[in-house]
Amino acid sequence: MARNFFLLMLAVVLAGVAGWAILDTTSESAPARTAAKARPITQPGSGSAPAKAFADLAPPPTPDYSKATAWAARPDKKDYADLVPENDPLPDDQAMAGVDVFYIHPTTFRSGDAWVQDIADARVNEWTDASVIARQAAIFNGCCRVFAPRYRQAAGGAVSNPVEGLKAYAFAYEDVKRAFKYYLDHDNKGRPFILVGHSQGTFHLLPLLEEMIDQTPLREQLVAAYAIGIGVPMGSFGRQYKSLVACERPDQTACIISWNTFGRNGDPNATIVRQQQRYIERYKTEEGKELLCVNPLTFDTAIPDAAAELNTGALPGVAADGPLPAVKPGLVGATCRDGTLWADIPTDSDFVLNIVPGEMLHFHDMDLFFQNIRGNAILRAQAWLRDHPRA
């Protein structure tokens, strides 16, 4: 029963980042052409589940994380995580950063012929890079060196098969864990780090926190975990996580941040129930099922409501191989209430939004608050370094 309920929830939130356009480029490097020369293409794949069982399809080759091609972003190569919005006062500061980010991207693969992505699939990689590496992972280049692994992610259609789909997610998680271990062994060198996930990325981030961070020495290096797009029940703190806590203040460290975005007139009830079901099944209680919501305009749980004036910049436009457009401040206010982030929907013509029925803004959980997240990551990184002067 738990699997069925949870996958119903995942069917909405892990279906992939659809509705954006990117350029058809073949380069692994960061974009060189301008947005004006962009030739939009559609996201590849159908989104349907494979007809064969997971075990009946040979998996693609295991990623070799010693190779740059196994990473969508690394600080030692040119990539989409190096981008900054036009006229952004906060530059790409990876060369000087004292903190790292390990970013796990959401579902960007929707083939109906495979349960998991081959990381050599160039078209899917191009979509991943322009749609989420540029518009999510790049948020953090103002504070941190950015590491973003390619992994054999579960296909969007995996959510429609409760048994085979879970096998695909479990398979994908092993790649994420392997990439994180490679980062720790070869790149980290004792540096503090931020963990970031969105959608399927958060689905993998939450057990990674439980297994490798909570109650381990690595907790001391964790600046914060941004677990976006999948609900985190408040009862998880003390049950799933014994030492990690929810972030309550904008400069707090060793804590978890989460939100799920809906329009002001949205209906999140069915989504909330589905997001709570896994917790209820695991712990056999409804106590603590309320979802964590940290407003990305304040990052302060004591200030759940924020007017649009506090939004320092939402990212408009569509995914492309050119530079990021300038952010637009003052357009999107937001309120945390009952475990949901209720947000204004921008009507500016520069915003091309993919709004799920019920006014679910899942595909825009991060770009509507781009500059606020960017500033908060810098603040938390500075707070950690201030409190650990010998690091």
Protein backbone atom coordinates (compact mmCIF):
# COMPACT_ATOMS: atom_id res chain seq x y z
CA MET A 1 0.00 0.00 0.00
CA ALA A 2 2.79 2.46 0.89
CA ARG A 3 4.40 1.93 -2.49
CA ASN A 4 1.16 2.63 -4.33
CA PHE A 5 0.41 5.84 -2.43
CA PHE A 6 3.96 7.11 -2.68
CA LEU A 7 4.20 6.48 -6.38
CA LEU A 8 0.91 8.24 -6.98
CA MET A 9 2.54 11.28 -5.43
CA LEU A 10 5.70 10.76 -7.44
CA ALA A 11 3.64 10.56 -10.65
CA VAL A 12 3.02 14.28 -10.29
CA VAL A 13 6.33 15.51 -8.96
CA LEU A 14 8.88 13.32 -10.72
CA ALA A 15 7.46 13.35 -14.22
CA GLY A 16 10.27 15.55 -15.52
CA VAL A 17 10.93 19.18 -16.20
CA ALA A 18 8.62 19.66 -19.17
CA GLY A 19 7.44 22.76 -20.96
CA TRP A 20 10.78 24.50 -21.46
CA ALA A 21 12.68 24.86 -24.74
CA ILE A 22 16.41 24.43 -25.22
CA LEU A 23 18.88 24.48 -28.03
CA ASP A 24 20.06 21.36 -29.81
CA THR A 25 23.81 21.55 -29.16
CA THR A 26 26.31 18.74 -29.06
CA SER A 27 28.92 20.30 -26.80
CA GLU A 28 29.62 19.20 -23.21
CA SER A 29 30.93 22.69 -22.47
CA ALA A 30 29.01 25.72 -21.33
CA PRO A 31 27.03 27.66 -23.97
CA ALA A 32 28.88 30.09 -26.15
CA ARG A 33 26.11 31.40 -28.41
CA THR A 34 23.62 34.06 -27.44
CA ALA A 35 19.96 33.48 -26.62
CA ALA A 36 19.00 35.40 -29.77
CA LYS A 37 20.53 32.62 -31.88
CA ALA A 38 18.77 29.86 -29.97
CA ARG A 39 16.89 27.21 -31.91
CA PRO A 40 14.33 25.77 -29.48
CA ILE A 41 13.71 22.03 -29.36
CA THR A 42 11.32 19.91 -27.33
CA GLN A 43 12.27 17.63 -24.48
CA PRO A 44 13.06 14.16 -25.89
CA GLY A 45 10.98 11.13 -24.96
CA SER A 46 7.36 10.13 -24.49
CA GLY A 47 7.05 9.78 -20.73
CA SER A 48 5.41 6.36 -20.94
CA ALA A 49 6.61 3.42 -18.84
CA PRO A 50 8.57 0.62 -20.55
CA ALA A 51 6.55 -2.47 -21.38
CA LYS A 52 9.23 -4.85 -20.10
CA ALA A 53 10.10 -5.51 -16.47
CA PHE A 54 13.09 -3.70 -14.98
CA ALA A 55 15.12 -6.94 -14.80
CA ASP A 56 14.42 -7.72 -18.46
CA LEU A 57 16.18 -4.60 -19.74
CA ALA A 58 19.97 -4.55 -19.55
CA PRO A 59 21.15 -1.49 -17.61
CA PRO A 60 23.37 1.06 -19.31
CA PRO A 61 27.06 1.20 -18.35
CA THR A 62 27.97 2.27 -14.83
CA PRO A 63 29.16 5.90 -14.72
CA ASP A 64 32.87 6.37 -14.13
CA TYR A 65 33.02 9.39 -11.86
CA SER A 66 36.74 9.78 -12.43
CA LYS A 67 35.82 11.09 -15.89
CA ALA A 68 34.54 14.62 -16.50
CA THR A 69 31.83 13.27 -18.84
CA ALA A 70 30.14 11.63 -15.83
CA TRP A 71 29.47 15.08 -14.37
CA ALA A 72 27.05 17.73 -15.58
CA ALA A 73 29.01 20.24 -13.55
CA ARG A 74 32.39 20.39 -11.89
CA PRO A 75 34.43 23.44 -10.90
CA ASP A 76 37.36 22.28 -13.05
CA LYS A 77 35.41 22.34 -16.32
CA LYS A 78 33.31 24.85 -18.23
CA ASP A 79 29.61 24.00 -17.92
CA TYR A 80 26.11 25.37 -17.45
CA ALA A 81 26.57 25.73 -13.70
CA ASP A 82 28.99 28.61 -14.45
CA LEU A 83 26.18 30.83 -15.77
CA VAL A 84 24.90 33.89 -13.94
CA PRO A 85 21.88 36.04 -14.84
CA GLU A 86 22.50 39.11 -16.94
CA ASN A 87 23.80 42.03 -14.85
CA ASP A 88 23.84 39.90 -11.69
CA PRO A 89 25.79 41.68 -8.92
CA LEU A 90 26.75 38.26 -7.49
CA PRO A 91 29.36 36.71 -9.80
CA ASP A 92 30.33 33.11 -10.41
CA ASP A 93 32.72 32.80 -7.46
CA GLN A 94 33.64 29.13 -7.71
CA ALA A 95 37.36 29.86 -8.07
CA MET A 96 37.44 31.55 -4.65
CA ALA A 97 34.69 29.65 -2.83
CA GLY A 98 35.42 27.97 0.48
CA VAL A 99 32.28 25.80 0.31
CA ASP A 100 31.05 23.17 -2.16
CA VAL A 101 27.60 22.25 -3.49
CA PHE A 102 26.61 18.72 -4.44
CA TYR A 103 23.48 19.05 -6.59
CA ILE A 104 21.17 16.16 -7.61
CA HIS A 105 19.01 17.07 -10.58
CA PRO A 106 15.30 16.19 -11.06
CA THR A 107 13.84 13.85 -13.68
CA THR A 108 14.84 14.94 -17.17
CA PHE A 109 14.62 11.52 -18.89
CA ARG A 110 11.31 10.23 -20.21
CA SER A 111 12.06 7.41 -22.62
CA GLY A 112 9.41 4.71 -22.94
CA ASP A 113 12.06 2.15 -23.88
CA ALA A 114 14.27 2.21 -20.77
CA TRP A 115 13.77 2.40 -17.01
CA VAL A 116 16.93 4.42 -16.43
CA GLN A 117 18.99 6.84 -18.49
CA ASP A 118 22.26 6.03 -20.18
CA ILE A 119 24.42 9.00 -19.19
CA ALA A 120 25.92 8.95 -22.70
CA ASP A 121 22.55 10.08 -24.12
CA ALA A 122 23.58 13.45 -25.52
CA ARG A 123 20.09 14.86 -26.10
CA VAL A 124 18.94 14.12 -22.57
CA ASN A 125 22.16 15.60 -21.22
CA GLU A 126 21.62 18.77 -23.25
CA TRP A 127 18.11 19.07 -21.87
CA THR A 128 19.36 18.45 -18.33
CA ASP A 129 22.08 21.05 -18.68
CA ALA A 130 19.97 23.85 -20.13
CA SER A 131 16.80 23.19 -18.14
CA VAL A 132 18.09 22.54 -14.62
CA ILE A 133 21.88 22.79 -14.38
CA ALA A 134 21.62 26.35 -15.70
CA ARG A 135 18.41 27.29 -13.91
CA GLN A 136 18.91 25.48 -10.60
CA ALA A 137 22.49 24.34 -9.98
CA ALA A 138 23.92 27.67 -11.19
CA ILE A 139 22.08 29.41 -8.35
CA PHE A 140 24.84 28.19 -6.06
CA ASN A 141 27.92 29.32 -7.97
CA GLY A 142 27.95 32.56 -5.97
CA CYS A 143 28.84 30.70 -2.78
CA CYS A 144 30.31 27.43 -3.80
CA ARG A 145 32.11 25.13 -6.18
CA VAL A 146 29.35 23.20 -7.96
CA PHE A 147 29.43 19.42 -8.38
CA ALA A 148 26.48 17.84 -10.23
CA PRO A 149 26.73 14.18 -11.25
CA ARG A 150 25.06 12.62 -14.22
CA TYR A 151 23.36 9.48 -13.00
CA ARG A 152 21.22 6.69 -14.38
CA GLN A 153 18.07 8.50 -13.31
CA ALA A 154 14.71 6.77 -13.27
CA ALA A 155 12.61 7.60 -16.32
CA GLY A 156 9.54 9.77 -15.95
CA GLY A 157 7.35 6.77 -16.76
CA ALA A 158 8.68 4.86 -13.73
CA VAL A 159 6.04 6.49 -11.55
CA SER A 160 3.24 4.64 -13.35
CA ASN A 161 4.46 1.18 -12.31
CA PRO A 162 4.55 0.75 -8.50
CA VAL A 163 6.81 -2.32 -8.54
CA GLU A 164 9.20 -1.77 -11.44
CA GLY A 165 9.38 1.98 -10.86
CA LEU A 166 10.72 1.58 -7.34
CA LYS A 167 13.44 -0.67 -8.70
CA ALA A 168 14.46 2.09 -11.08
CA TYR A 169 14.61 4.69 -8.29
CA ALA A 170 16.63 2.34 -6.06
CA PHE A 171 19.01 1.71 -8.97
CA ALA A 172 19.41 5.45 -9.59
CA TYR A 173 20.10 6.11 -5.91
CA GLU A 174 23.12 3.82 -5.99
CA ASP A 175 24.66 6.05 -8.69
CA VAL A 176 23.99 9.17 -6.63
CA LYS A 177 25.59 7.58 -3.59
CA ARG A 178 28.57 6.41 -5.68
CA ALA A 179 29.04 9.93 -7.09
CA PHE A 180 28.87 11.49 -3.63
CA LYS A 181 31.45 9.02 -2.32
CA TYR A 182 33.71 9.86 -5.26
CA TYR A 183 33.34 13.55 -4.47
CA LEU A 184 34.20 12.93 -0.81
CA ASP A 185 37.22 10.78 -1.63
CA HIS A 186 38.72 12.92 -4.39
CA ASP A 187 37.40 16.49 -4.23
CA ASN A 188 36.12 17.39 -0.80
CA LYS A 189 39.36 17.41 1.24
CA GLY A 190 37.48 18.29 4.42
CA ARG A 191 35.64 21.28 2.94
CA PRO A 192 32.12 22.24 4.08
CA PHE A 193 29.35 21.44 1.62
CA ILE A 194 25.72 22.18 0.77
CA LEU A 195 23.49 19.39 -0.56
CA VAL A 196 20.74 20.32 -3.03
CA GLY A 197 18.02 18.21 -4.64
CA HIS A 198 14.84 18.89 -6.52
CA SER A 199 12.04 16.39 -7.24
CA GLN A 200 13.70 13.03 -8.06
CA GLY A 201 16.89 14.66 -6.81
CA THR A 202 15.28 15.20 -3.41
CA PHE A 203 13.93 11.64 -3.47
CA HIS A 204 17.60 10.56 -3.51
CA LEU A 205 18.85 13.34 -1.24
CA LEU A 206 16.64 12.39 1.72
CA PRO A 207 18.02 8.83 2.16
CA LEU A 208 21.54 10.12 1.43
CA LEU A 209 21.16 12.48 4.40
CA GLU A 210 19.91 9.65 6.57
CA GLU A 211 22.55 7.13 5.53
CA MET A 212 25.70 9.21 5.10
CA ILE A 213 25.26 12.52 6.97
CA ASP A 214 23.02 12.19 10.01
CA GLN A 215 24.91 10.86 13.04
CA THR A 216 28.20 10.67 11.12
CA PRO A 217 31.25 12.97 11.20
CA LEU A 218 30.11 14.46 7.88
CA ARG A 219 27.34 16.26 9.74
CA GLU A 220 29.98 18.71 10.95
CA GLN A 221 30.77 19.63 7.34
CA LEU A 222 27.13 20.08 6.26
CA VAL A 223 26.25 23.72 5.76
CA ALA A 224 22.62 22.94 4.83
CA ALA A 225 20.48 20.66 2.69
CA TYR A 226 17.97 22.20 0.27
CA ALA A 227 15.46 19.36 -0.21
CA ILE A 228 12.99 20.94 -2.63
CA GLY A 229 9.85 19.61 -4.31
CA ILE A 230 9.12 16.58 -2.10
CA GLY A 231 7.59 17.07 1.34
CA VAL A 232 9.57 16.47 4.53
CA PRO A 233 7.25 15.62 7.44
CA MET A 234 8.17 17.40 10.66
CA GLY A 235 8.14 14.07 12.49
CA SER A 236 11.11 13.01 10.38
CA PHE A 237 13.24 15.06 12.74
CA GLY A 238 13.84 12.76 15.68
CA ARG A 239 12.71 9.68 13.74
CA GLN A 240 14.43 9.55 10.35
CA TYR A 241 17.02 12.16 11.32
CA LYS A 242 18.44 11.88 14.82
CA SER A 243 20.77 14.87 14.72
CA LEU A 244 19.76 16.96 11.70
CA VAL A 245 17.02 19.53 12.29
CA ALA A 246 14.74 21.76 10.24
CA CYS A 247 16.21 25.13 9.28
CA GLU A 248 14.43 27.87 11.23
CA ARG A 249 16.75 30.85 10.60
CA PRO A 250 18.34 32.14 7.40
CA ASP A 251 21.90 31.68 8.68
CA GLN A 252 21.39 28.34 10.45
CA THR A 253 23.62 25.42 9.47
CA ALA A 254 23.52 21.61 9.70
CA CYS A 255 19.81 21.73 8.89
CA ILE A 256 17.24 20.90 6.19
CA ILE A 257 15.18 23.32 4.09
CA SER A 258 12.11 22.28 2.10
CA TRP A 259 9.11 23.73 0.30
CA ASN A 260 6.53 22.80 -2.36
CA THR A 261 5.02 25.62 -4.40
CA PHE A 262 1.39 26.20 -5.44
CA GLY A 263 -0.42 29.24 -6.79
CA ARG A 264 -2.54 31.28 -4.41
CA ASN A 265 -5.71 29.63 -5.73
CA GLY A 266 -4.22 26.17 -5.91
CA ASP A 267 -5.43 22.92 -4.42
CA PRO A 268 -2.54 21.02 -2.78
CA ASN A 269 -4.68 18.69 -0.63
CA ALA A 270 -4.23 15.52 -2.68
CA THR A 271 -0.51 16.17 -3.04
CA ILE A 272 -0.09 16.75 0.69
CA VAL A 273 -1.85 13.49 1.55
CA ARG A 274 0.33 11.56 -0.89
CA GLN A 275 3.49 13.17 0.41
CA GLN A 276 2.57 12.25 3.98
CA GLN A 277 1.67 8.64 3.22
CA ARG A 278 5.21 7.25 3.09
CA TYR A 279 5.93 8.71 6.52
CA ILE A 280 2.70 7.29 7.97
CA GLU A 281 3.41 3.83 6.57
CA ARG A 282 7.02 3.84 7.78
CA TYR A 283 6.39 5.00 11.35
CA LYS A 284 2.82 3.71 11.85
CA THR A 285 1.63 7.06 13.14
CA GLU A 286 0.13 10.29 11.89
CA GLU A 287 1.87 12.28 14.59
CA GLY A 288 4.35 14.61 12.93
CA LYS A 289 2.94 14.20 9.41
CA GLU A 290 2.74 17.98 8.92
CA LEU A 291 5.14 19.05 6.17
CA LEU A 292 8.06 21.40 6.61
CA CYS A 293 7.73 24.67 4.72
CA VAL A 294 10.53 27.23 4.73
CA ASN A 295 9.65 30.36 2.79
CA PRO A 296 12.48 31.01 0.28
CA LEU A 297 11.84 34.74 0.48
CA THR A 298 12.64 34.91 4.22
CA PHE A 299 14.22 31.55 5.12
CA ASP A 300 12.81 32.24 8.58
CA THR A 301 10.05 29.99 9.93
CA ALA A 302 9.01 32.84 12.25
CA ILE A 303 8.23 34.92 9.13
CA PRO A 304 6.06 32.65 6.96
CA ASP A 305 4.56 35.44 4.84
CA ALA A 306 6.52 37.65 2.44
CA ALA A 307 5.28 40.29 0.03
CA ALA A 308 6.59 40.41 -3.53
CA GLU A 309 8.83 43.33 -2.57
CA LEU A 310 11.05 40.86 -0.71
CA ASN A 311 11.65 38.80 -3.85
CA THR A 312 15.06 39.97 -5.05
CA GLY A 313 14.75 38.25 -8.39
CA ALA A 314 12.75 35.56 -10.18
CA LEU A 315 14.35 34.03 -13.28
CA PRO A 316 12.20 34.48 -16.42
CA GLY A 317 12.58 33.01 -19.88
CA VAL A 318 13.07 29.46 -21.10
CA ALA A 319 15.97 27.06 -21.08
CA ALA A 320 18.46 27.82 -23.84
CA ASP A 321 22.14 27.54 -24.67
CA GLY A 322 22.71 31.25 -24.30
CA PRO A 323 23.29 33.32 -21.16
CA LEU A 324 20.68 33.52 -18.45
CA PRO A 325 18.33 36.51 -18.70
CA ALA A 326 18.26 39.16 -16.00
CA VAL A 327 16.20 38.27 -12.95
CA LYS A 328 13.08 40.30 -12.24
CA PRO A 329 12.59 41.48 -8.65
CA GLY A 330 9.38 42.34 -6.85
CA LEU A 331 7.01 40.10 -8.82
CA VAL A 332 6.44 36.99 -6.69
CA GLY A 333 5.37 37.00 -3.06
CA ALA A 334 4.89 33.79 -1.10
CA THR A 335 3.36 32.44 2.11
CA CYS A 336 4.05 29.22 4.01
CA ARG A 337 0.79 27.83 5.37
CA ASP A 338 -0.22 24.28 6.29
CA GLY A 339 2.97 22.80 4.85
CA THR A 340 2.57 24.46 1.43
CA LEU A 341 4.27 27.46 -0.14
CA TRP A 342 1.54 29.59 -1.70
CA ALA A 343 3.00 31.92 -4.32
CA ASP A 344 1.94 34.66 -6.68
CA ILE A 345 1.96 33.59 -10.32
CA PRO A 346 3.80 36.21 -12.39
CA THR A 347 1.86 37.58 -15.33
CA ASP A 348 4.88 39.24 -16.91
CA SER A 349 5.13 38.09 -20.54
CA ASP A 350 8.78 37.09 -20.05
CA PHE A 351 7.74 34.18 -17.83
CA VAL A 352 6.88 30.94 -19.62
CA LEU A 353 5.41 28.75 -16.88
CA ASN A 354 4.48 25.09 -16.81
CA ILE A 355 1.60 25.07 -14.34
CA VAL A 356 0.32 21.63 -13.31
CA PRO A 357 -3.46 21.32 -12.68
CA GLY A 358 -4.33 22.56 -9.21
CA GLU A 359 -1.91 25.47 -9.76
CA MET A 360 1.02 23.30 -8.81
CA LEU A 361 4.21 25.26 -9.54
CA HIS A 362 6.54 22.30 -9.02
CA PHE A 363 8.57 23.04 -12.14
CA HIS A 364 9.27 26.53 -10.78
CA ASP A 365 10.07 25.71 -7.16
CA MET A 366 13.47 27.33 -7.59
CA ASP A 367 13.50 29.76 -10.52
CA LEU A 368 10.71 31.92 -9.04
CA PHE A 369 13.01 32.52 -6.05
CA PHE A 370 16.34 32.36 -7.89
CA GLN A 371 18.07 35.37 -6.38
CA ASN A 372 16.77 34.86 -2.84
CA ILE A 373 18.10 31.29 -2.83
CA ARG A 374 21.37 32.55 -4.27
CA GLY A 375 21.75 35.10 -1.49
CA ASN A 376 20.73 32.65 1.22
CA ALA A 377 23.30 30.06 0.14
CA ILE A 378 25.99 32.74 0.36
CA LEU A 379 24.76 33.73 3.84
CA ARG A 380 24.79 30.16 5.14
CA ALA A 381 28.21 29.49 3.65
CA GLN A 382 29.57 32.63 5.32
CA ALA A 383 27.95 31.62 8.63
CA TRP A 384 29.56 28.17 8.53
CA LEU A 385 33.00 29.60 7.70
CA ARG A 386 32.64 32.23 10.44
CA ASP A 387 31.80 29.55 13.01
CA HIS A 388 34.65 27.29 11.85
CA PRO A 389 37.56 29.73 11.44
CA ARG A 390 40.19 27.00 11.20
CA ALA A 391 38.42 25.09 8.44
